């Protein structure tokens, strides 16, 4: 424990300098060098552009799918209840 306080302070300042330089390098690589849009910015839809993916469902198709899913969920819930009792 022969280190005096001045040596400890000097070492801490040196360490802080290295950390500050590392942070600055990381921040510098993050700004300006990004590709694509910035995080948090939503893409704006282009007027007249075609919608990609599945075609829209009609009201009747949506209703039919809803009934099927409710039936499937009821069967699954009944099977889980039966398994829990056994």
N, C-alpha and C. Protein backbone atom coordinates (compact mmCIF):
# COMPACT_ATOMS: atom_id res chain seq x y z
N UNK A 1 0.82 -1.18 0.00
CA UNK A 1 0.00 0.00 0.00
C UNK A 1 0.88 1.26 0.00
N UNK A 2 2.00 1.20 -0.71
CA UNK A 2 2.88 2.36 -0.79
C UNK A 2 2.42 3.38 -1.82
N UNK A 3 1.42 3.03 -2.64
CA UNK A 3 0.92 3.99 -3.63
C UNK A 3 0.33 5.18 -2.92
N UNK A 4 0.75 6.33 -3.33
CA UNK A 4 0.13 7.49 -2.70
C UNK A 4 -1.09 7.92 -3.50
N UNK A 5 -1.80 8.82 -2.97
CA UNK A 5 -3.07 9.24 -3.55
C UNK A 5 -2.86 9.87 -4.92
N UNK A 6 -1.78 10.61 -5.11
CA UNK A 6 -1.52 11.27 -6.39
C UNK A 6 -1.33 10.24 -7.51
N UNK A 7 -0.64 9.14 -7.22
CA UNK A 7 -0.44 8.09 -8.23
C UNK A 7 -1.77 7.43 -8.59
N UNK A 8 -2.60 7.20 -7.60
CA UNK A 8 -3.91 6.60 -7.84
C UNK A 8 -4.76 7.53 -8.70
N UNK A 9 -4.76 8.82 -8.39
CA UNK A 9 -5.52 9.79 -9.17
C UNK A 9 -5.02 9.82 -10.61
N UNK A 10 -3.70 9.80 -10.79
CA UNK A 10 -3.12 9.82 -12.13
C UNK A 10 -3.54 8.58 -12.93
N UNK A 11 -3.54 7.42 -12.31
CA UNK A 11 -3.95 6.19 -12.98
C UNK A 11 -5.44 6.23 -13.34
N UNK A 12 -6.25 6.74 -12.45
CA UNK A 12 -7.68 6.86 -12.72
C UNK A 12 -7.95 7.82 -13.88
N UNK A 13 -7.22 8.92 -13.93
CA UNK A 13 -7.39 9.87 -15.03
C UNK A 13 -6.97 9.25 -16.36
N UNK A 14 -5.90 8.47 -16.32
CA UNK A 14 -5.44 7.78 -17.53
C UNK A 14 -6.49 6.79 -18.01
N UNK A 15 -7.04 6.06 -17.06
CA UNK A 15 -8.09 5.08 -17.38
C UNK A 15 -9.32 5.79 -17.95
N UNK A 16 -9.68 6.92 -17.35
CA UNK A 16 -10.83 7.68 -17.83
C UNK A 16 -10.59 8.19 -19.26
N UNK A 17 -9.37 8.59 -19.53
CA UNK A 17 -9.03 9.03 -20.88
C UNK A 17 -9.19 7.92 -21.90
N UNK A 18 -8.76 6.71 -21.57
CA UNK A 18 -8.93 5.57 -22.47
C UNK A 18 -10.40 5.24 -22.68
N UNK A 19 -11.18 5.30 -21.61
CA UNK A 19 -12.61 5.01 -21.71
C UNK A 19 -13.31 6.07 -22.56
N UNK A 20 -12.98 7.35 -22.33
CA UNK A 20 -13.58 8.43 -23.14
C UNK A 20 -13.24 8.27 -24.62
N UNK A 21 -11.99 7.88 -24.91
CA UNK A 21 -11.59 7.68 -26.30
C UNK A 21 -12.36 6.52 -26.92
N UNK A 22 -12.56 5.45 -26.17
CA UNK A 22 -13.30 4.30 -26.67
C UNK A 22 -14.76 4.67 -26.93
N UNK A 23 -15.37 5.41 -26.03
CA UNK A 23 -16.76 5.84 -26.21
C UNK A 23 -16.88 6.74 -27.43
N UNK A 24 -15.95 7.68 -27.59
CA UNK A 24 -15.98 8.58 -28.74
C UNK A 24 -15.85 7.80 -30.04
N UNK A 25 -14.98 6.80 -30.05
CA UNK A 25 -14.81 5.99 -31.26
C UNK A 25 -16.08 5.23 -31.59
N UNK A 26 -16.73 4.67 -30.58
CA UNK A 26 -17.97 3.93 -30.80
C UNK A 26 -19.09 4.85 -31.26
N UNK A 27 -19.20 6.02 -30.65
CA UNK A 27 -20.23 6.97 -31.06
C UNK A 27 -19.96 7.48 -32.47
N UNK A 28 -18.72 7.69 -32.81
CA UNK A 28 -18.37 8.16 -34.14
C UNK A 28 -18.71 7.13 -35.20
N UNK A 29 -18.52 5.87 -34.89
CA UNK A 29 -18.84 4.83 -35.87
C UNK A 29 -20.35 4.67 -36.01
N UNK A 30 -21.09 5.06 -34.99
CA UNK A 30 -22.54 4.92 -35.03
C UNK A 30 -23.19 6.03 -35.83
N UNK A 31 -22.64 7.23 -35.81
CA UNK A 31 -23.26 8.35 -36.49
C UNK A 31 -22.72 8.49 -37.90
N UNK A 32 -23.60 8.73 -38.84
CA UNK A 32 -23.20 8.99 -40.20
C UNK A 32 -22.87 7.76 -41.02
N UNK A 33 -22.50 6.69 -40.39
CA UNK A 33 -22.10 5.50 -41.13
C UNK A 33 -23.21 4.47 -41.21
N UNK A 34 -24.41 4.85 -40.79
CA UNK A 34 -25.50 3.89 -40.80
C UNK A 34 -26.09 3.75 -42.19
N UNK A 35 -26.70 2.64 -42.44
CA UNK A 35 -27.37 2.40 -43.72
C UNK A 35 -28.86 2.27 -43.46
N UNK A 36 -29.65 2.64 -44.42
CA UNK A 36 -31.09 2.52 -44.26
C UNK A 36 -31.65 3.69 -43.48
N UNK A 37 -32.86 3.51 -42.99
CA UNK A 37 -33.49 4.61 -42.26
C UNK A 37 -33.07 4.58 -40.80
N UNK A 38 -33.22 5.71 -40.15
CA UNK A 38 -32.83 5.82 -38.76
C UNK A 38 -33.82 5.08 -37.87
N UNK A 39 -33.37 4.54 -36.75
CA UNK A 39 -34.28 3.85 -35.83
C UNK A 39 -35.36 4.79 -35.33
N UNK A 40 -36.55 4.28 -35.18
CA UNK A 40 -37.65 5.07 -34.67
C UNK A 40 -38.43 5.80 -35.74
N UNK A 41 -37.94 5.80 -36.95
CA UNK A 41 -38.65 6.47 -38.04
C UNK A 41 -39.45 5.42 -38.80
N UNK A 42 -40.75 5.58 -38.84
CA UNK A 42 -41.60 4.63 -39.57
C UNK A 42 -41.56 4.96 -41.05
N UNK A 43 -41.62 3.91 -41.85
CA UNK A 43 -41.64 4.11 -43.30
C UNK A 43 -43.00 4.68 -43.70
N UNK A 44 -42.99 5.67 -44.56
CA UNK A 44 -44.24 6.28 -45.01
C UNK A 44 -44.75 5.51 -46.22
N UNK A 45 -46.03 5.18 -46.24
CA UNK A 45 -46.57 4.48 -47.40
C UNK A 45 -46.55 5.39 -48.62
N UNK A 46 -46.26 4.79 -49.75
CA UNK A 46 -46.21 5.55 -51.00
C UNK A 46 -47.59 5.51 -51.62
N UNK A 47 -48.11 6.68 -51.99
CA UNK A 47 -49.44 6.76 -52.58
C UNK A 47 -49.46 5.99 -53.90
N UNK A 48 -50.47 5.15 -54.08
CA UNK A 48 -50.64 4.40 -55.31
C UNK A 48 -49.80 3.13 -55.39
N UNK A 49 -49.00 2.85 -54.35
CA UNK A 49 -48.18 1.65 -54.38
C UNK A 49 -49.03 0.42 -54.09
N UNK A 50 -48.69 -0.69 -54.71
CA UNK A 50 -49.44 -1.92 -54.49
C UNK A 50 -49.10 -2.50 -53.13
N UNK A 51 -50.07 -3.08 -52.49
CA UNK A 51 -49.89 -3.72 -51.21
C UNK A 51 -49.23 -5.07 -51.44
N UNK A 52 -48.23 -5.39 -50.64
CA UNK A 52 -47.53 -6.66 -50.78
C UNK A 52 -48.09 -7.66 -49.79
N UNK A 53 -47.87 -8.94 -50.05
CA UNK A 53 -48.31 -9.97 -49.12
C UNK A 53 -49.63 -10.57 -49.54
N UNK A 54 -50.34 -11.07 -48.58
CA UNK A 54 -51.62 -11.72 -48.84
C UNK A 54 -52.68 -10.72 -49.27
N UNK A 55 -53.59 -11.17 -50.12
CA UNK A 55 -54.69 -10.27 -50.48
C UNK A 55 -55.63 -10.09 -49.29
N UNK A 56 -56.34 -8.98 -49.26
CA UNK A 56 -57.25 -8.69 -48.16
C UNK A 56 -58.39 -9.70 -48.13
N UNK A 57 -58.82 -10.06 -46.93
CA UNK A 57 -59.93 -11.01 -46.78
C UNK A 57 -61.26 -10.27 -46.83
N UNK A 58 -62.23 -10.93 -47.38
CA UNK A 58 -63.57 -10.35 -47.38
C UNK A 58 -64.17 -10.51 -45.99
N UNK A 59 -65.26 -9.83 -45.74
CA UNK A 59 -65.93 -9.92 -44.44
C UNK A 59 -66.39 -11.34 -44.17
N UNK A 60 -66.90 -12.03 -45.19
CA UNK A 60 -67.36 -13.41 -45.02
C UNK A 60 -66.20 -14.34 -44.68
N UNK A 61 -65.06 -14.15 -45.34
CA UNK A 61 -63.89 -14.98 -45.05
C UNK A 61 -63.40 -14.75 -43.62
N UNK A 62 -63.40 -13.50 -43.20
CA UNK A 62 -62.98 -13.17 -41.85
C UNK A 62 -63.89 -13.82 -40.81
N UNK A 63 -65.20 -13.79 -41.07
CA UNK A 63 -66.17 -14.39 -40.16
C UNK A 63 -65.99 -15.90 -40.09
N UNK A 64 -65.79 -16.54 -41.26
CA UNK A 64 -65.58 -17.98 -41.32
C UNK A 64 -64.32 -18.38 -40.55
N UNK A 65 -63.25 -17.64 -40.74
CA UNK A 65 -62.01 -17.92 -40.04
C UNK A 65 -62.17 -17.73 -38.53
N UNK A 66 -62.92 -16.71 -38.14
CA UNK A 66 -63.17 -16.47 -36.72
C UNK A 66 -63.89 -17.64 -36.07
N UNK A 67 -64.91 -18.15 -36.76
CA UNK A 67 -65.67 -19.29 -36.24
C UNK A 67 -64.77 -20.51 -36.12
N UNK A 68 -63.94 -20.76 -37.14
CA UNK A 68 -63.04 -21.91 -37.11
C UNK A 68 -62.05 -21.81 -35.95
N UNK A 69 -61.48 -20.63 -35.74
CA UNK A 69 -60.50 -20.46 -34.67
C UNK A 69 -61.15 -20.62 -33.30
N UNK A 70 -62.35 -20.08 -33.13
CA UNK A 70 -63.04 -20.23 -31.84
C UNK A 70 -63.32 -21.70 -31.56
N UNK A 71 -63.70 -22.45 -32.61
CA UNK A 71 -63.94 -23.88 -32.45
C UNK A 71 -62.64 -24.60 -32.07
N UNK A 72 -61.54 -24.26 -32.74
CA UNK A 72 -60.24 -24.88 -32.46
C UNK A 72 -59.81 -24.58 -31.03
N UNK A 73 -59.95 -23.32 -30.60
CA UNK A 73 -59.56 -22.95 -29.24
C UNK A 73 -60.41 -23.66 -28.20
N UNK A 74 -61.71 -23.81 -28.46
CA UNK A 74 -62.59 -24.50 -27.52
C UNK A 74 -62.18 -25.97 -27.40
N UNK A 75 -61.86 -26.62 -28.54
CA UNK A 75 -61.42 -28.01 -28.51
C UNK A 75 -60.12 -28.14 -27.73
N UNK A 76 -59.20 -27.21 -27.95
CA UNK A 76 -57.91 -27.25 -27.26
C UNK A 76 -58.09 -27.05 -25.76
N UNK A 77 -58.95 -26.10 -25.39
CA UNK A 77 -59.20 -25.82 -23.98
C UNK A 77 -59.85 -27.04 -23.31
N UNK A 78 -60.77 -27.70 -24.02
CA UNK A 78 -61.42 -28.88 -23.47
C UNK A 78 -60.41 -30.01 -23.29
N UNK A 79 -59.50 -30.17 -24.24
CA UNK A 79 -58.48 -31.22 -24.15
C UNK A 79 -57.53 -30.95 -22.98
N UNK A 80 -57.18 -29.68 -22.77
CA UNK A 80 -56.30 -29.34 -21.65
C UNK A 80 -57.02 -29.57 -20.32
N UNK A 81 -58.30 -29.25 -20.25
CA UNK A 81 -59.05 -29.47 -19.02
C UNK A 81 -59.15 -30.95 -18.73
N UNK A 82 -59.38 -31.75 -19.79
CA UNK A 82 -59.48 -33.20 -19.61
C UNK A 82 -58.14 -33.78 -19.15
N UNK A 83 -57.04 -33.28 -19.70
CA UNK A 83 -55.70 -33.75 -19.31
C UNK A 83 -55.38 -33.35 -17.89
N UNK A 84 -55.86 -32.20 -17.46
CA UNK A 84 -55.58 -31.73 -16.10
C UNK A 84 -56.33 -32.56 -15.08
N UNK A 85 -57.53 -33.04 -15.43
CA UNK A 85 -58.31 -33.85 -14.51
C UNK A 85 -57.74 -35.27 -14.40
N UNK A 86 -57.13 -35.75 -15.46
CA UNK A 86 -56.62 -37.13 -15.48
C UNK A 86 -55.37 -37.30 -14.70
